């Protein structure tokens, strides 16, 4: 998922975007990205690398915000839509990751920080 950032001045490393999304700088990328990440799973999920991850990277040059989710400790991409939340067979960590992702997107859009590209 790619969004356009409307308020790039809010993406400051070592602060919290909107007071809740901890930001950090990844200076090993070109261009530098300001990132946020969150993992989902139980102690056992982390032990056996079956957890899910959310990540976003703000491109400081073109002001794109790329959102990516992965599963199995980062080995597999994790693609979904809002409709996937209706799947009764969805695991808790899948559901938690999907809800977190769409809540964050909705929050950033509502605060006019990002817009659909």
PDB file of N, CA and C in Angstrom:
ATOM      1  N   UNK A   1       0.842  -1.161   0.000  1.00  0.00           N
ATOM      2  CA  UNK A   1       0.000   0.000   0.000  1.00  0.00           C
ATOM      3  C   UNK A   1       0.895   1.234   0.000  1.00  0.00           C
ATOM      4  N   UNK A   2       0.576   2.176  -0.871  1.00  0.00           N
ATOM      5  CA  UNK A   2       1.361   3.407  -0.953  1.00  0.00           C
ATOM      6  C   UNK A   2       0.415   4.600  -0.832  1.00  0.00           C
ATOM      7  N   UNK A   3       0.784   5.524   0.031  1.00  0.00           N
ATOM      8  CA  UNK A   3       0.019   6.748   0.256  1.00  0.00           C
ATOM      9  C   UNK A   3       0.936   7.947   0.077  1.00  0.00           C
ATOM     10  N   UNK A   4       0.353   9.101  -0.199  1.00  0.00           N
ATOM     11  CA  UNK A   4       1.101  10.355  -0.303  1.00  0.00           C
ATOM     12  C   UNK A   4       0.997  11.079   1.041  1.00  0.00           C
ATOM     13  N   UNK A   5       2.146  11.500   1.560  1.00  0.00           N
ATOM     14  CA  UNK A   5       2.181  12.224   2.832  1.00  0.00           C
ATOM     15  C   UNK A   5       1.937  13.704   2.576  1.00  0.00           C
ATOM     16  N   UNK A   6       0.966  14.261   3.273  1.00  0.00           N
ATOM     17  CA  UNK A   6       0.602  15.670   3.129  1.00  0.00           C
ATOM     18  C   UNK A   6       1.309  16.562   4.148  1.00  0.00           C
ATOM     19  N   UNK A   7       1.754  15.966   5.258  1.00  0.00           N
ATOM     20  CA  UNK A   7       2.418  16.730   6.323  1.00  0.00           C
ATOM     21  C   UNK A   7       3.753  16.076   6.683  1.00  0.00           C
ATOM     22  N   UNK A   8       4.743  16.176   5.787  1.00  0.00           N
ATOM     23  CA  UNK A   8       6.027  15.515   6.035  1.00  0.00           C
ATOM     24  C   UNK A   8       6.749  16.033   7.277  1.00  0.00           C
ATOM     25  N   UNK A   9       6.440  17.245   7.683  1.00  0.00           N
ATOM     26  CA  UNK A   9       7.109  17.830   8.847  1.00  0.00           C
ATOM     27  C   UNK A   9       6.780  17.094  10.147  1.00  0.00           C
ATOM     28  N   UNK A  10       5.753  16.259  10.140  1.00  0.00           N
ATOM     29  CA  UNK A  10       5.376  15.500  11.335  1.00  0.00           C
ATOM     30  C   UNK A  10       6.193  14.219  11.515  1.00  0.00           C
ATOM     31  N   UNK A  11       6.930  13.821  10.492  1.00  0.00           N
ATOM     32  CA  UNK A  11       7.699  12.573  10.542  1.00  0.00           C
ATOM     33  C   UNK A  11       9.102  12.868  11.068  1.00  0.00           C
ATOM     34  N   UNK A  12       9.217  12.856  12.399  1.00  0.00           N
ATOM     35  CA  UNK A  12      10.463  13.185  13.079  1.00  0.00           C
ATOM     36  C   UNK A  12      10.935  11.943  13.831  1.00  0.00           C
ATOM     37  N   UNK A  13      12.147  11.464  13.526  1.00  0.00           N
ATOM     38  CA  UNK A  13      12.650  10.269  14.221  1.00  0.00           C
ATOM     39  C   UNK A  13      12.676  10.465  15.741  1.00  0.00           C
ATOM     40  N   UNK A  14      12.478   9.376  16.452  1.00  0.00           N
ATOM     41  CA  UNK A  14      12.508   9.342  17.914  1.00  0.00           C
ATOM     42  C   UNK A  14      11.394  10.173  18.549  1.00  0.00           C
ATOM     43  N   UNK A  15      10.290  10.353  17.811  1.00  0.00           N
ATOM     44  CA  UNK A  15       9.087  10.976  18.365  1.00  0.00           C
ATOM     45  C   UNK A  15       7.921  10.032  18.087  1.00  0.00           C
ATOM     46  N   UNK A  16       6.744  10.421  18.536  1.00  0.00           N
ATOM     47  CA  UNK A  16       5.543   9.630  18.270  1.00  0.00           C
ATOM     48  C   UNK A  16       4.609  10.438  17.382  1.00  0.00           C
ATOM     49  N   UNK A  17       4.338   9.916  16.209  1.00  0.00           N
ATOM     50  CA  UNK A  17       3.388  10.528  15.289  1.00  0.00           C
ATOM     51  C   UNK A  17       2.002  10.474  15.931  1.00  0.00           C
ATOM     52  N   UNK A  18       1.340  11.607  16.013  1.00  0.00           N
ATOM     53  CA  UNK A  18       0.032  11.731  16.670  1.00  0.00           C
ATOM     54  C   UNK A  18       0.072  11.272  18.124  1.00  0.00           C
ATOM     55  N   UNK A  19       1.252  11.265  18.710  1.00  0.00           N
ATOM     56  CA  UNK A  19       1.394  10.869  20.105  1.00  0.00           C
ATOM     57  C   UNK A  19       1.282   9.385  20.364  1.00  0.00           C
ATOM     58  N   UNK A  20       1.232   8.559  19.286  1.00  0.00           N
ATOM     59  CA  UNK A  20       1.048   7.120  19.510  1.00  0.00           C
ATOM     60  C   UNK A  20       1.852   6.193  18.621  1.00  0.00           C
ATOM     61  N   UNK A  21       2.379   6.658  17.494  1.00  0.00           N
ATOM     62  CA  UNK A  21       3.115   5.780  16.578  1.00  0.00           C
ATOM     63  C   UNK A  21       4.595   6.147  16.630  1.00  0.00           C
ATOM     64  N   UNK A  22       5.386   5.339  17.351  1.00  0.00           N
ATOM     65  CA  UNK A  22       6.804   5.629  17.546  1.00  0.00           C
ATOM     66  C   UNK A  22       7.551   5.564  16.212  1.00  0.00           C
ATOM     67  N   UNK A  23       8.287   6.632  15.923  1.00  0.00           N
ATOM     68  CA  UNK A  23       9.031   6.736  14.666  1.00  0.00           C
ATOM     69  C   UNK A  23      10.518   6.544  14.898  1.00  0.00           C
ATOM     70  N   UNK A  24      11.176   5.938  13.925  1.00  0.00           N
ATOM     71  CA  UNK A  24      12.625   5.771  13.961  1.00  0.00           C
ATOM     72  C   UNK A  24      13.167   5.944  12.552  1.00  0.00           C
ATOM     73  N   UNK A  25      14.435   6.301  12.470  1.00  0.00           N
ATOM     74  CA  UNK A  25      15.069   6.573  11.178  1.00  0.00           C
ATOM     75  C   UNK A  25      15.860   5.366  10.707  1.00  0.00           C
ATOM     76  N   UNK A  26      15.651   4.999   9.454  1.00  0.00           N
ATOM     77  CA  UNK A  26      16.450   3.948   8.832  1.00  0.00           C
ATOM     78  C   UNK A  26      17.391   4.627   7.847  1.00  0.00           C
ATOM     79  N   UNK A  27      18.596   4.931   8.311  1.00  0.00           N
ATOM     80  CA  UNK A  27      19.566   5.643   7.478  1.00  0.00           C
ATOM     81  C   UNK A  27      20.343   4.699   6.571  1.00  0.00           C
ATOM     82  N   UNK A  28      20.052   3.405   6.651  1.00  0.00           N
ATOM     83  CA  UNK A  28      20.737   2.462   5.760  1.00  0.00           C
ATOM     84  C   UNK A  28      20.049   2.377   4.405  1.00  0.00           C
ATOM     85  N   UNK A  29      18.894   3.020   4.274  1.00  0.00           N
ATOM     86  CA  UNK A  29      18.194   3.031   2.992  1.00  0.00           C
ATOM     87  C   UNK A  29      18.506   4.321   2.249  1.00  0.00           C
ATOM     88  N   UNK A  30      18.410   4.251   0.943  1.00  0.00           N
ATOM     89  CA  UNK A  30      18.589   5.442   0.110  1.00  0.00           C
ATOM     90  C   UNK A  30      17.326   5.602  -0.710  1.00  0.00           C
ATOM     91  N   UNK A  31      16.566   6.667  -0.520  1.00  0.00           N
ATOM     92  CA  UNK A  31      16.811   7.709   0.483  1.00  0.00           C
ATOM     93  C   UNK A  31      16.471   7.228   1.888  1.00  0.00           C
ATOM     94  N   UNK A  32      16.841   8.028   2.873  1.00  0.00           N
ATOM     95  CA  UNK A  32      16.535   7.730   4.269  1.00  0.00           C
ATOM     96  C   UNK A  32      15.021   7.600   4.430  1.00  0.00           C
ATOM     97  N   UNK A  33      14.602   6.648   5.257  1.00  0.00           N
ATOM     98  CA  UNK A  33      13.175   6.474   5.541  1.00  0.00           C
ATOM     99  C   UNK A  33      12.925   6.660   7.036  1.00  0.00           C
ATOM    100  N   UNK A  34      11.802   7.287   7.343  1.00  0.00           N
ATOM    101  CA  UNK A  34      11.329   7.386   8.719  1.00  0.00           C
ATOM    102  C   UNK A  34      10.288   6.275   8.865  1.00  0.00           C
ATOM    103  N   UNK A  35      10.490   5.397   9.844  1.00  0.00           N
ATOM    104  CA  UNK A  35       9.714   4.159   9.919  1.00  0.00           C
ATOM    105  C   UNK A  35       8.929   4.025  11.218  1.00  0.00           C
ATOM    106  N   UNK A  36       7.957   3.139  11.152  1.00  0.00           N
ATOM    107  CA  UNK A  36       7.192   2.699  12.321  1.00  0.00           C
ATOM    108  C   UNK A  36       6.927   1.212  12.113  1.00  0.00           C
ATOM    109  N   UNK A  37       7.019   0.431  13.184  1.00  0.00           N
ATOM    110  CA  UNK A  37       6.740  -0.998  13.056  1.00  0.00           C
ATOM    111  C   UNK A  37       6.073  -1.526  14.321  1.00  0.00           C
ATOM    112  N   UNK A  38       5.381  -2.644  14.147  1.00  0.00           N
ATOM    113  CA  UNK A  38       4.718  -3.311  15.273  1.00  0.00           C
ATOM    114  C   UNK A  38       4.583  -4.789  14.923  1.00  0.00           C
ATOM    115  N   UNK A  39       4.820  -5.644  15.916  1.00  0.00           N
ATOM    116  CA  UNK A  39       4.701  -7.087  15.734  1.00  0.00           C
ATOM    117  C   UNK A  39       3.484  -7.613  16.488  1.00  0.00           C
ATOM    118  N   UNK A  40       2.947  -8.736  16.005  1.00  0.00           N
ATOM    119  CA  UNK A  40       1.749  -9.342  16.580  1.00  0.00           C
ATOM    120  C   UNK A  40       1.985 -10.832  16.774  1.00  0.00           C
ATOM    121  N   UNK A  41       1.684 -11.329  17.962  1.00  0.00           N
ATOM    122  CA  UNK A  41       1.812 -12.755  18.213  1.00  0.00           C
ATOM    123  C   UNK A  41       2.018 -13.049  19.683  1.00  0.00           C
ATOM    124  N   UNK A  42       1.985 -14.319  19.987  1.00  0.00           N
ATOM    125  CA  UNK A  42       2.212 -14.790  21.351  1.00  0.00           C
ATOM    126  C   UNK A  42       3.699 -15.055  21.547  1.00  0.00           C
ATOM    127  N   UNK A  43       4.061 -15.364  22.769  1.00  0.00           N
ATOM    128  CA  UNK A  43       5.451 -15.725  23.061  1.00  0.00           C
ATOM    129  C   UNK A  43       5.886 -16.885  22.163  1.00  0.00           C
ATOM    130  N   UNK A  44       5.004 -17.847  21.983  1.00  0.00           N
ATOM    131  CA  UNK A  44       5.318 -19.008  21.142  1.00  0.00           C
ATOM    132  C   UNK A  44       5.453 -18.609  19.670  1.00  0.00           C
ATOM    133  N   UNK A  45       4.608 -17.667  19.211  1.00  0.00           N
ATOM    134  CA  UNK A  45       4.716 -17.194  17.824  1.00  0.00           C
ATOM    135  C   UNK A  45       6.096 -16.598  17.566  1.00  0.00           C
ATOM    136  N   UNK A  46       6.605 -15.843  18.531  1.00  0.00           N
ATOM    137  CA  UNK A  46       7.927 -15.238  18.357  1.00  0.00           C
ATOM    138  C   UNK A  46       9.027 -16.295  18.454  1.00  0.00           C
ATOM    139  N   UNK A  47       8.842 -17.259  19.336  1.00  0.00           N
ATOM    140  CA  UNK A  47       9.832 -18.324  19.488  1.00  0.00           C
ATOM    141  C   UNK A  47       9.959 -19.152  18.209  1.00  0.00           C
ATOM    142  N   UNK A  48       8.825 -19.433  17.558  1.00  0.00           N
ATOM    143  CA  UNK A  48       8.828 -20.276  16.363  1.00  0.00           C
ATOM    144  C   UNK A  48       8.712 -19.477  15.063  1.00  0.00           C
ATOM    145  N   UNK A  49       8.885 -18.154  15.159  1.00  0.00           N
ATOM    146  CA  UNK A  49       8.883 -17.252  13.994  1.00  0.00           C
ATOM    147  C   UNK A  49       7.593 -17.334  13.186  1.00  0.00           C
ATOM    148  N   UNK A  50       6.471 -17.431  13.891  1.00  0.00           N
ATOM    149  CA  UNK A  50       5.177 -17.459  13.196  1.00  0.00           C
ATOM    150  C   UNK A  50       4.370 -16.190  13.469  1.00  0.00           C
ATOM    151  N   UNK A  51       5.055 -15.134  13.898  1.00  0.00           N
ATOM    152  CA  UNK A  51       4.373 -13.873  14.203  1.00  0.00           C
ATOM    153  C   UNK A  51       4.159 -13.038  12.942  1.00  0.00           C
ATOM    154  N   UNK A  52       3.305 -12.029  13.053  1.00  0.00           N
ATOM    155  CA  UNK A  52       3.044 -11.081  11.965  1.00  0.00           C
ATOM    156  C   UNK A  52       3.690  -9.745  12.299  1.00  0.00           C
ATOM    157  N   UNK A  53       4.012  -8.981  11.256  1.00  0.00           N
ATOM    158  CA  UNK A  53       4.619  -7.665  11.440  1.00  0.00           C
ATOM    159  C   UNK A  53       3.955  -6.630  10.549  1.00  0.00           C
ATOM    160  N   UNK A  54       3.843  -5.421  11.090  1.00  0.00           N
ATOM    161  CA  UNK A  54       3.407  -4.239  10.357  1.00  0.00           C
ATOM    162  C   UNK A  54       4.618  -3.319  10.254  1.00  0.00           C
ATOM    163  N   UNK A  55       4.768  -2.657   9.104  1.00  0.00           N
ATOM    164  CA  UNK A  55       5.865  -1.689   8.921  1.00  0.00           C
ATOM    165  C   UNK A  55       5.405  -0.600   7.970  1.00  0.00           C
ATOM    166  N   UNK A  56       5.797   0.647   8.265  1.00  0.00           N
ATOM    167  CA  UNK A  56       5.688   1.681   7.247  1.00  0.00           C
ATOM    168  C   UNK A  56       6.990   2.434   7.164  1.00  0.00           C
ATOM    169  N   UNK A  57       7.273   2.903   5.958  1.00  0.00           N
ATOM    170  CA  UNK A  57       8.454   3.704   5.709  1.00  0.00           C
ATOM    171  C   UNK A  57       8.073   4.957   4.946  1.00  0.00           C
ATOM    172  N   UNK A  58       8.418   6.107   5.511  1.00  0.00           N
ATOM    173  CA  UNK A  58       8.176   7.393   4.871  1.00  0.00           C
ATOM    174  C   UNK A  58       9.423   7.776   4.093  1.00  0.00           C
ATOM    175  N   UNK A  59       9.283   7.888   2.771  1.00  0.00           N
ATOM    176  CA  UNK A  59      10.382   8.282   1.895  1.00  0.00           C
ATOM    177  C   UNK A  59      10.563   9.790   2.030  1.00  0.00           C
ATOM    178  N   UNK A  60      11.709  10.203   2.550  1.00  0.00           N
ATOM    179  CA  UNK A  60      11.947  11.619   2.836  1.00  0.00           C
ATOM    180  C   UNK A  60      12.169  12.455   1.586  1.00  0.00           C
ATOM    181  N   UNK A  61      12.326  11.816   0.436  1.00  0.00           N
ATOM    182  CA  UNK A  61      12.525  12.576  -0.800  1.00  0.00           C
ATOM    183  C   UNK A  61      11.228  12.772  -1.584  1.00  0.00           C
ATOM    184  N   UNK A  62      10.490  11.692  -1.835  1.00  0.00           N
ATOM    185  CA  UNK A  62       9.273  11.843  -2.652  1.00  0.00           C
ATOM    186  C   UNK A  62       7.988  11.890  -1.821  1.00  0.00           C
ATOM    187  N   UNK A  63       8.123  11.758  -0.503  1.00  0.00           N
ATOM    188  CA  UNK A  63       7.007  11.864   0.447  1.00  0.00           C
ATOM    189  C   UNK A  63       5.954  10.768   0.282  1.00  0.00           C
ATOM    190  N   UNK A  64       6.368   9.615  -0.223  1.00  0.00           N
ATOM    191  CA  UNK A  64       5.493   8.443  -0.251  1.00  0.00           C
ATOM    192  C   UNK A  64       5.579   7.724   1.090  1.00  0.00           C
ATOM    193  N   UNK A  65       4.464   7.156   1.517  1.00  0.00           N
ATOM    194  CA  UNK A  65       4.428   6.313   2.699  1.00  0.00           C
ATOM    195  C   UNK A  65       4.071   4.911   2.228  1.00  0.00           C
ATOM    196  N   UNK A  66       5.002   3.991   2.378  1.00  0.00           N
ATOM    197  CA  UNK A  66       4.791   2.604   1.971  1.00  0.00           C
ATOM    198  C   UNK A  66       4.445   1.802   3.220  1.00  0.00           C
ATOM    199  N   UNK A  67       3.353   1.048   3.140  1.00  0.00           N
ATOM    200  CA  UNK A  67       2.917   0.196   4.242  1.00  0.00           C
ATOM    201  C   UNK A  67       3.036  -1.252   3.792  1.00  0.00           C
ATOM    202  N   UNK A  68       3.649  -2.062   4.651  1.00  0.00           N
ATOM    203  CA  UNK A  68       3.873  -3.460   4.305  1.00  0.00           C
ATOM    204  C   UNK A  68       3.640  -4.316   5.546  1.00  0.00           C
ATOM    205  N   UNK A  69       3.021  -5.460   5.355  1.00  0.00           N
ATOM    206  CA  UNK A  69       2.832  -6.416   6.437  1.00  0.00           C
ATOM    207  C   UNK A  69       3.426  -7.750   6.009  1.00  0.00           C
ATOM    208  N   UNK A  70       3.926  -8.485   6.992  1.00  0.00           N
ATOM    209  CA  UNK A  70       4.516  -9.787   6.687  1.00  0.00           C
ATOM    210  C   UNK A  70       4.112 -10.785   7.766  1.00  0.00           C
ATOM    211  N   UNK A  71       4.291 -12.053   7.432  1.00  0.00           N
ATOM    212  CA  UNK A  71       3.983 -13.120   8.381  1.00  0.00           C
ATOM    213  C   UNK A  71       5.155 -14.088   8.427  1.00  0.00           C
ATOM    214  N   UNK A  72       5.078 -15.007   9.365  1.00  0.00           N
ATOM    215  CA  UNK A  72       6.134 -16.002   9.565  1.00  0.00           C
ATOM    216  C   UNK A  72       7.497 -15.346   9.725  1.00  0.00           C
ATOM    217  N   UNK A  73       7.536 -14.356  10.625  1.00  0.00           N
ATOM    218  CA  UNK A  73       8.801 -13.714  10.950  1.00  0.00           C
ATOM    219  C   UNK A  73       9.410 -12.946   9.803  1.00  0.00           C
ATOM    220  N   UNK A  74       8.594 -12.490   8.875  1.00  0.00           N
ATOM    221  CA  UNK A  74       9.080 -11.702   7.747  1.00  0.00           C
ATOM    222  C   UNK A  74       9.362 -12.510   6.499  1.00  0.00           C
ATOM    223  N   UNK A  75       9.126 -13.815   6.546  1.00  0.00           N
ATOM    224  CA  UNK A  75       9.420 -14.656   5.382  1.00  0.00           C
ATOM    225  C   UNK A  75       8.378 -14.543   4.279  1.00  0.00           C
ATOM    226  N   UNK A  76       7.156 -14.159   4.640  1.00  0.00           N
ATOM    227  CA  UNK A  76       6.069 -14.109   3.657  1.00  0.00           C
ATOM    228  C   UNK A  76       5.363 -12.760   3.706  1.00  0.00           C
ATOM    229  N   UNK A  77       5.021 -12.243   2.536  1.00  0.00           N
ATOM    230  CA  UNK A  77       4.193 -11.048   2.486  1.00  0.00           C
ATOM    231  C   UNK A  77       2.802 -11.370   2.990  1.00  0.00           C
ATOM    232  N   UNK A  78       2.136 -10.391   3.533  1.00  0.00           N
ATOM    233  CA  UNK A  78       0.810 -10.582   4.109  1.00  0.00           C
ATOM    234  C   UNK A  78      -0.100  -9.527   3.496  1.00  0.00           C
ATOM    235  N   UNK A  79      -0.880  -9.928   2.495  1.00  0.00           N
ATOM    236  CA  UNK A  79      -1.788  -9.022   1.783  1.00  0.00           C
ATOM    237  C   UNK A  79      -3.214  -9.281   2.237  1.00  0.00           C
ATOM    238  N   UNK A  80      -4.020  -8.221   2.333  1.00  0.00           N
ATOM    239  CA  UNK A  80      -5.385  -8.369   2.816  1.00  0.00           C
ATOM    240  C   UNK A  80      -6.201  -7.144   2.440  1.00  0.00           C
ATOM    241  N   UNK A  81      -7.513  -7.286   2.608  1.00  0.00           N
ATOM    242  CA  UNK A  81      -8.456  -6.179   2.420  1.00  0.00           C
ATOM    243  C   UNK A  81      -9.312  -6.086   3.683  1.00  0.00           C
ATOM    244  N   UNK A  82     -10.097  -5.044   3.773  1.00  0.00           N
ATOM    245  CA  UNK A  82     -11.000  -4.907   4.930  1.00  0.00           C
ATOM    246  C   UNK A  82     -11.986  -6.072   4.984  1.00  0.00           C
ATOM    247  N   UNK A  83     -12.388  -6.566   3.830  1.00  0.00           N
ATOM    248  CA  UNK A  83     -13.346  -7.670   3.782  1.00  0.00           C
ATOM    249  C   UNK A  83     -12.785  -8.939   4.414  1.00  0.00           C
ATOM    250  N   UNK A  84     -11.474  -9.087   4.434  1.00  0.00           N
ATOM    251  CA  UNK A  84     -10.875 -10.276   5.037  1.00  0.00           C
ATOM    252  C   UNK A  84     -11.207 -10.391   6.525  1.00  0.00           C
ATOM    253  N   UNK A  85     -11.555  -9.281   7.157  1.00  0.00           N
ATOM    254  CA  UNK A  85     -11.936  -9.327   8.575  1.00  0.00           C
ATOM    255  C   UNK A  85     -13.218 -10.122   8.799  1.00  0.00           C
ATOM    256  N   UNK A  86     -13.998 -10.352   7.747  1.00  0.00           N
ATOM    257  CA  UNK A  86     -15.228 -11.148   7.852  1.00  0.00           C
ATOM    258  C   UNK A  86     -14.963 -12.647   7.846  1.00  0.00           C
ATOM    259  N   UNK A  87     -13.733 -13.055   7.562  1.00  0.00           N
ATOM    260  CA  UNK A  87     -13.367 -14.462   7.503  1.00  0.00           C
ATOM    261  C   UNK A  87     -13.326 -15.032   8.923  1.00  0.00           C
ATOM    262  N   UNK A  88     -14.228 -15.953   9.211  1.00  0.00           N
ATOM    263  CA  UNK A  88     -14.310 -16.537  10.552  1.00  0.00           C
ATOM    264  C   UNK A  88     -13.101 -17.405  10.892  1.00  0.00           C
ATOM    265  N   UNK A  89     -12.354 -17.836   9.877  1.00  0.00           N
ATOM    266  CA  UNK A  89     -11.193 -18.691  10.110  1.00  0.00           C
ATOM    267  C   UNK A  89      -9.903 -17.901  10.316  1.00  0.00           C
ATOM    268  N   UNK A  90      -9.988 -16.585  10.337  1.00  0.00           N
ATOM    269  CA  UNK A  90      -8.819 -15.730  10.500  1.00  0.00           C
ATOM    270  C   UNK A  90      -8.213 -15.934  11.890  1.00  0.00           C
ATOM    271  N   UNK A  91      -6.901 -16.114  11.948  1.00  0.00           N
ATOM    272  CA  UNK A  91      -6.249 -16.276  13.251  1.00  0.00           C
ATOM    273  C   UNK A  91      -6.248 -14.945  14.005  1.00  0.00           C
ATOM    274  N   UNK A  92      -6.044 -15.004  15.303  1.00  0.00           N
ATOM    275  CA  UNK A  92      -6.030 -13.792  16.119  1.00  0.00           C
ATOM    276  C   UNK A  92      -4.923 -12.846  15.674  1.00  0.00           C
ATOM    277  N   UNK A  93      -3.727 -13.370  15.403  1.00  0.00           N
ATOM    278  CA  UNK A  93      -2.636 -12.461  15.030  1.00  0.00           C
ATOM    279  C   UNK A  93      -2.861 -11.858  13.647  1.00  0.00           C
ATOM    280  N   UNK A  94      -3.498 -12.607  12.741  1.00  0.00           N
ATOM    281  CA  UNK A  94      -3.846 -12.027  11.441  1.00  0.00           C
ATOM    282  C   UNK A  94      -4.856 -10.899  11.636  1.00  0.00           C
ATOM    283  N   UNK A  95      -5.883 -11.174  12.426  1.00  0.00           N
ATOM    284  CA  UNK A  95      -6.924 -10.178  12.675  1.00  0.00           C
ATOM    285  C   UNK A  95      -6.336  -8.940  13.364  1.00  0.00           C
ATOM    286  N   UNK A  96      -5.489  -9.143  14.361  1.00  0.00           N
ATOM    287  CA  UNK A  96      -4.870  -8.018  15.073  1.00  0.00           C
ATOM    288  C   UNK A  96      -4.053  -7.143  14.129  1.00  0.00           C
ATOM    289  N   UNK A  97      -3.294  -7.764  13.240  1.00  0.00           N
ATOM    290  CA  UNK A  97      -2.461  -7.023  12.294  1.00  0.00           C
ATOM    291  C   UNK A  97      -3.322  -6.235  11.304  1.00  0.00           C
ATOM    292  N   UNK A  98      -4.366  -6.866  10.796  1.00  0.00           N
ATOM    293  CA  UNK A  98      -5.256  -6.196   9.835  1.00  0.00           C
ATOM    294  C   UNK A  98      -5.956  -5.007  10.498  1.00  0.00           C
ATOM    295  N   UNK A  99      -6.492  -5.221  11.683  1.00  0.00           N
ATOM    296  CA  UNK A  99      -7.186  -4.135  12.390  1.00  0.00           C
ATOM    297  C   UNK A  99      -6.223  -2.986  12.675  1.00  0.00           C
ATOM    298  N   UNK A 100      -5.026  -3.294  13.152  1.00  0.00           N
ATOM    299  CA  UNK A 100      -4.036  -2.252  13.443  1.00  0.00           C
ATOM    300  C   UNK A 100      -3.714  -1.450  12.184  1.00  0.00           C
ATOM    301  N   UNK A 101      -3.510  -2.154  11.085  1.00  0.00           N
ATOM    302  CA  UNK A 101      -3.155  -1.495   9.825  1.00  0.00           C
ATOM    303  C   UNK A 101      -4.243  -0.527   9.380  1.00  0.00           C
ATOM    304  N   UNK A 102      -5.483  -0.989   9.334  1.00  0.00           N
ATOM    305  CA  UNK A 102      -6.556  -0.113   8.863  1.00  0.00           C
ATOM    306  C   UNK A 102      -6.888   0.994   9.863  1.00  0.00           C
ATOM    307  N   UNK A 103      -6.753   0.730  11.160  1.00  0.00           N
ATOM    308  CA  UNK A 103      -6.950   1.800  12.144  1.00  0.00           C
ATOM    309  C   UNK A 103      -5.895   2.889  11.982  1.00  0.00           C
ATOM    310  N   UNK A 104      -4.639   2.499  11.758  1.00  0.00           N
ATOM    311  CA  UNK A 104      -3.571   3.480  11.550  1.00  0.00           C
ATOM    312  C   UNK A 104      -3.825   4.285  10.280  1.00  0.00           C
ATOM    313  N   UNK A 105      -4.157   3.609   9.194  1.00  0.00           N
ATOM    314  CA  UNK A 105      -4.443   4.306   7.929  1.00  0.00           C
ATOM    315  C   UNK A 105      -5.601   5.283   8.121  1.00  0.00           C
ATOM    316  N   UNK A 106      -6.688   4.820   8.727  1.00  0.00           N
ATOM    317  CA  UNK A 106      -7.850   5.684   8.954  1.00  0.00           C
ATOM    318  C   UNK A 106      -7.480   6.882   9.824  1.00  0.00           C
ATOM    319  N   UNK A 107      -6.664   6.659  10.840  1.00  0.00           N
ATOM    320  CA  UNK A 107      -6.219   7.724  11.737  1.00  0.00           C
ATOM    321  C   UNK A 107      -5.404   8.777  10.976  1.00  0.00           C
ATOM    322  N   UNK A 108      -4.471   8.327  10.151  1.00  0.00           N
ATOM    323  CA  UNK A 108      -3.631   9.265   9.397  1.00  0.00           C
ATOM    324  C   UNK A 108      -4.437  10.019   8.343  1.00  0.00           C
ATOM    325  N   UNK A 109      -5.405   9.355   7.721  1.00  0.00           N
ATOM    326  CA  UNK A 109      -6.263  10.039   6.740  1.00  0.00           C
ATOM    327  C   UNK A 109      -7.161  11.057   7.452  1.00  0.00           C
ATOM    328  N   UNK A 110      -7.767  10.666   8.567  1.00  0.00           N
ATOM    329  CA  UNK A 110      -8.662  11.567   9.309  1.00  0.00           C
ATOM    330  C   UNK A 110      -7.935  12.821   9.789  1.00  0.00           C
ATOM    331  N   UNK A 111      -6.647  12.684  10.092  1.00  0.00           N
ATOM    332  CA  UNK A 111      -5.847  13.820  10.546  1.00  0.00           C
ATOM    333  C   UNK A 111      -5.137  14.537   9.401  1.00  0.00           C
ATOM    334  N   UNK A 112      -5.512  14.183   8.179  1.00  0.00           N
ATOM    335  CA  UNK A 112      -4.979  14.799   6.950  1.00  0.00           C
ATOM    336  C   UNK A 112      -3.453  14.736   6.874  1.00  0.00           C
ATOM    337  N   UNK A 113      -2.912  13.605   7.328  1.00  0.00           N
ATOM    338  CA  UNK A 113      -1.471  13.383   7.249  1.00  0.00           C
ATOM    339  C   UNK A 113      -1.122  12.643   5.972  1.00  0.00           C
ATOM    340  N   UNK A 114      -2.010  11.745   5.534  1.00  0.00           N
ATOM    341  CA  UNK A 114      -1.804  11.020   4.280  1.00  0.00           C
ATOM    342  C   UNK A 114      -3.069  11.085   3.438  1.00  0.00           C
ATOM    343  N   UNK A 115      -2.905  10.781   2.158  1.00  0.00           N
ATOM    344  CA  UNK A 115      -4.033  10.647   1.245  1.00  0.00           C
ATOM    345  C   UNK A 115      -3.730   9.494   0.305  1.00  0.00           C
ATOM    346  N   UNK A 116      -4.770   8.925  -0.284  1.00  0.00           N
ATOM    347  CA  UNK A 116      -4.568   7.845  -1.250  1.00  0.00           C
ATOM    348  C   UNK A 116      -3.792   8.376  -2.434  1.00  0.00           C
ATOM    349  N   UNK A 117      -2.902   7.559  -2.942  1.00  0.00           N
ATOM    350  CA  UNK A 117      -2.071   7.962  -4.074  1.00  0.00           C
ATOM    351  C   UNK A 117      -2.740   7.597  -5.372  1.00  0.00           C
TER     352      UNK A 117
END
